[in-house]
């Protein structure tokens, strides 16, 4: 993991949950945040200027991460839900986007204090399986994401320290005509065992 200067870390930690703000017009009407829902985080993709919104959505006895996008005509997509019906509380989502439109979504899991990261490749409609960013042995919260240069920087607060992870961006798309495995992409460096992406 690379070390980053104090100003970058300070910037990340002063924006809990990303550049979140809440307004009634900024999410689909039937999913407008109720008093039990979490704070809204948003980002505009630099690739196509679409506005992405995410929030912790109260669904029955648990919180799931809801994600919706506002299209060019002003209409909102029906939300995609991460963690639906898994008996865990996914909370405090934050978003980042790189220059080609790949999306990065970090969130905390309330029961375990783990910080997880999912990705959505530009042009895809399927999020990757969330991968662990924080250490398994500590409880953390309040993730923030920023694309800095050609890297993704994740910061989060833990009980005994401030965590920071320097991660690679998703690789560029394969050339047209490339034959490869279909399906959602996992984040670079993620292991099938659920080990942290970086330490």
Protein backbone atom coordinates (compact mmCIF):
# COMPACT_ATOMS: atom_id res chain seq x y z
CA UNK A 1 0.00 0.00 0.00
CA UNK A 2 1.30 3.43 -0.88
CA UNK A 3 1.46 6.25 1.63
CA UNK A 4 -0.54 9.38 0.90
CA UNK A 5 -0.05 12.88 2.15
CA UNK A 6 -2.05 14.27 5.05
CA UNK A 7 -4.02 16.68 2.79
CA UNK A 8 -5.48 13.81 0.74
CA UNK A 9 -6.40 11.87 3.88
CA UNK A 10 -7.92 14.98 5.43
CA UNK A 11 -10.01 15.58 2.30
CA UNK A 12 -11.32 12.02 2.33
CA UNK A 13 -12.23 12.09 5.99
CA UNK A 14 -14.02 15.43 5.83
CA UNK A 15 -16.49 13.97 3.33
CA UNK A 16 -18.11 11.02 5.14
CA UNK A 17 -20.04 8.85 2.73
CA UNK A 18 -18.65 10.70 -0.26
CA UNK A 19 -20.13 13.86 -1.69
CA UNK A 20 -23.50 13.07 -0.20
CA UNK A 21 -26.44 15.41 -0.14
CA UNK A 22 -30.15 14.82 -0.13
CA UNK A 23 -32.89 16.34 -2.24
CA UNK A 24 -36.29 14.98 -3.15
CA UNK A 25 -35.63 15.11 -6.89
CA UNK A 26 -32.37 13.19 -6.64
CA UNK A 27 -33.74 9.67 -6.29
CA UNK A 28 -36.69 7.82 -7.86
CA UNK A 29 -40.01 9.10 -6.48
CA UNK A 30 -41.17 5.84 -4.91
CA UNK A 31 -37.81 5.43 -3.17
CA UNK A 32 -37.50 8.92 -1.75
CA UNK A 33 -35.58 8.59 1.48
CA UNK A 34 -37.74 8.07 4.54
CA UNK A 35 -36.61 8.95 8.05
CA UNK A 36 -35.23 5.42 8.49
CA UNK A 37 -33.10 5.47 5.31
CA UNK A 38 -29.46 6.51 5.28
CA UNK A 39 -27.81 9.58 3.83
CA UNK A 40 -27.70 9.96 0.05
CA UNK A 41 -24.32 9.91 -1.74
CA UNK A 42 -24.03 10.93 -5.40
CA UNK A 43 -21.53 11.24 -8.19
CA UNK A 44 -21.72 12.32 -11.83
CA UNK A 45 -19.89 10.03 -14.22
CA UNK A 46 -17.29 12.00 -16.19
CA UNK A 47 -17.74 9.62 -19.13
CA UNK A 48 -21.44 10.22 -19.86
CA UNK A 49 -22.57 12.83 -17.24
CA UNK A 50 -25.17 10.49 -15.78
CA UNK A 51 -25.88 11.08 -12.08
CA UNK A 52 -25.56 8.06 -9.78
CA UNK A 53 -27.17 7.97 -6.34
CA UNK A 54 -26.74 5.46 -3.53
CA UNK A 55 -28.14 5.19 -0.03
CA UNK A 56 -28.77 2.68 2.77
CA UNK A 57 -32.36 1.59 2.15
CA UNK A 58 -34.40 0.23 5.05
CA UNK A 59 -35.87 -3.04 3.78
CA UNK A 60 -37.81 -4.90 6.45
CA UNK A 61 -35.46 -5.80 9.28
CA UNK A 62 -32.21 -4.86 7.51
CA UNK A 63 -30.49 -2.16 5.50
CA UNK A 64 -29.44 -2.81 1.90
CA UNK A 65 -27.47 -0.57 -0.44
CA UNK A 66 -29.70 0.98 -3.10
CA UNK A 67 -28.19 2.37 -6.32
CA UNK A 68 -30.04 4.33 -9.00
CA UNK A 69 -28.96 6.36 -12.02
CA UNK A 70 -30.57 9.41 -13.64
CA UNK A 71 -30.61 9.05 -17.41
CA UNK A 72 -30.13 11.81 -19.98
CA UNK A 73 -33.91 12.33 -20.25
CA UNK A 74 -34.12 13.02 -16.50
CA UNK A 75 -35.77 9.72 -15.59
CA UNK A 76 -34.45 7.57 -12.75
CA UNK A 77 -33.79 3.84 -13.04
CA UNK A 78 -35.36 1.44 -10.61
CA UNK A 79 -32.77 0.89 -7.86
CA UNK A 80 -30.39 -2.04 -7.83
CA UNK A 81 -29.96 -3.49 -4.33
CA UNK A 82 -26.73 -4.88 -2.93
CA UNK A 83 -27.04 -7.22 0.06
CA UNK A 84 -30.78 -7.82 -0.25
CA UNK A 85 -32.12 -10.47 2.16
CA UNK A 86 -28.70 -11.43 3.52
CA UNK A 87 -29.54 -10.74 7.20
CA UNK A 88 -26.85 -8.04 7.39
CA UNK A 89 -26.95 -4.26 7.51
CA UNK A 90 -25.05 -2.61 4.67
CA UNK A 91 -24.71 1.07 5.53
CA UNK A 92 -22.78 4.30 4.80
CA UNK A 93 -22.32 3.89 1.02
CA UNK A 94 -20.00 6.15 -0.96
CA UNK A 95 -19.26 6.37 -4.68
CA UNK A 96 -16.37 7.20 -6.97
CA UNK A 97 -16.03 7.11 -10.77
CA UNK A 98 -12.97 6.99 -12.98
CA UNK A 99 -12.48 8.83 -16.27
CA UNK A 100 -13.93 6.01 -18.42
CA UNK A 101 -17.08 5.66 -16.32
CA UNK A 102 -16.27 2.66 -14.12
CA UNK A 103 -17.99 3.01 -10.75
CA UNK A 104 -16.63 2.09 -7.33
CA UNK A 105 -18.96 1.67 -4.34
CA UNK A 106 -17.71 1.23 -0.78
CA UNK A 107 -19.88 0.58 2.26
CA UNK A 108 -19.69 -0.66 5.85
CA UNK A 109 -21.32 -3.80 7.24
CA UNK A 110 -22.90 -2.93 10.58
CA UNK A 111 -22.58 -6.32 12.25
CA UNK A 112 -18.91 -6.94 11.42
CA UNK A 113 -17.45 -3.47 10.94
CA UNK A 114 -15.96 -4.54 7.63
CA UNK A 115 -15.48 -2.12 4.75
CA UNK A 116 -16.47 -3.66 1.42
CA UNK A 117 -16.00 -2.52 -2.17
CA UNK A 118 -18.07 -3.39 -5.26
CA UNK A 119 -17.46 -2.20 -8.82
CA UNK A 120 -19.57 -1.59 -11.90
CA UNK A 121 -17.71 -1.64 -15.19
CA UNK A 122 -18.72 1.08 -17.66
CA UNK A 123 -21.50 -0.20 -19.93
CA UNK A 124 -22.38 -3.09 -17.59
CA UNK A 125 -25.51 -3.49 -15.48
CA UNK A 126 -24.10 -6.03 -13.01
CA UNK A 127 -22.15 -5.05 -9.91
CA UNK A 128 -19.21 -7.21 -8.87
CA UNK A 129 -19.40 -9.23 -5.68
CA UNK A 130 -18.22 -7.00 -2.81
CA UNK A 131 -14.59 -7.53 -1.78
CA UNK A 132 -13.08 -6.81 1.62
CA UNK A 133 -10.99 -3.63 1.88
CA UNK A 134 -10.38 -3.37 5.65
CA UNK A 135 -8.64 -5.88 7.90
CA UNK A 136 -10.78 -8.76 9.14
CA UNK A 137 -9.61 -8.22 12.73
CA UNK A 138 -10.90 -4.68 13.26
CA UNK A 139 -14.18 -2.81 13.21
CA UNK A 140 -14.37 0.15 10.84
CA UNK A 141 -16.92 2.63 9.50
CA UNK A 142 -17.40 5.81 7.45
CA UNK A 143 -15.69 4.85 4.17
CA UNK A 144 -14.73 7.50 1.61
CA UNK A 145 -13.47 6.99 -1.95
CA UNK A 146 -11.52 9.19 -4.35
CA UNK A 147 -9.81 8.57 -7.67
CA UNK A 148 -6.36 10.17 -7.33
CA UNK A 149 -4.24 10.06 -10.45
CA UNK A 150 -4.55 6.53 -11.78
CA UNK A 151 -5.45 4.95 -8.42
CA UNK A 152 -8.47 4.48 -6.19
CA UNK A 153 -7.93 5.65 -2.61
CA UNK A 154 -10.24 4.30 0.11
CA UNK A 155 -10.18 5.76 3.61
CA UNK A 156 -12.18 4.68 6.64
CA UNK A 157 -12.23 5.08 10.41
CA UNK A 158 -11.41 2.15 12.71
CA UNK A 159 -11.52 1.84 16.49
CA UNK A 160 -7.77 2.33 16.88
CA UNK A 161 -6.63 4.01 13.64
CA UNK A 162 -7.56 5.61 10.36
CA UNK A 163 -7.33 3.06 7.54
CA UNK A 164 -6.28 3.96 4.04
CA UNK A 165 -6.00 1.65 1.03
CA UNK A 166 -4.40 2.46 -2.31
CA UNK A 167 -6.06 0.29 -4.96
CA UNK A 168 -5.75 -0.13 -8.73
CA UNK A 169 -8.54 1.07 -10.98
CA UNK A 170 -10.38 -1.44 -13.13
CA UNK A 171 -8.37 -2.28 -16.24
CA UNK A 172 -9.48 -0.75 -19.54
CA UNK A 173 -12.04 -2.72 -21.55
CA UNK A 174 -10.81 -5.49 -23.83
CA UNK A 175 -10.46 -4.64 -27.54
CA UNK A 176 -13.45 -5.37 -29.78
CA UNK A 177 -13.37 -9.00 -30.89
CA UNK A 178 -11.60 -10.18 -27.73
CA UNK A 179 -12.91 -13.53 -26.52
CA UNK A 180 -13.05 -13.78 -22.75
CA UNK A 181 -15.09 -15.07 -19.88
CA UNK A 182 -18.51 -13.51 -19.52
CA UNK A 183 -19.97 -12.35 -16.25
CA UNK A 184 -19.37 -9.65 -13.62
CA UNK A 185 -15.82 -8.54 -13.00
CA UNK A 186 -14.26 -8.83 -9.58
CA UNK A 187 -12.09 -6.05 -8.29
CA UNK A 188 -8.36 -6.38 -9.10
CA UNK A 189 -6.55 -8.03 -6.20
CA UNK A 190 -9.65 -9.54 -4.62
CA UNK A 191 -9.28 -13.13 -3.54
CA UNK A 192 -11.94 -15.78 -3.58
CA UNK A 193 -11.35 -16.41 0.12
CA UNK A 194 -12.50 -12.91 1.03
CA UNK A 195 -9.05 -11.72 2.09
CA UNK A 196 -8.54 -7.95 2.10
CA UNK A 197 -7.67 -6.26 -1.18
CA UNK A 198 -4.75 -4.51 0.47
CA UNK A 199 -3.36 -3.94 3.92
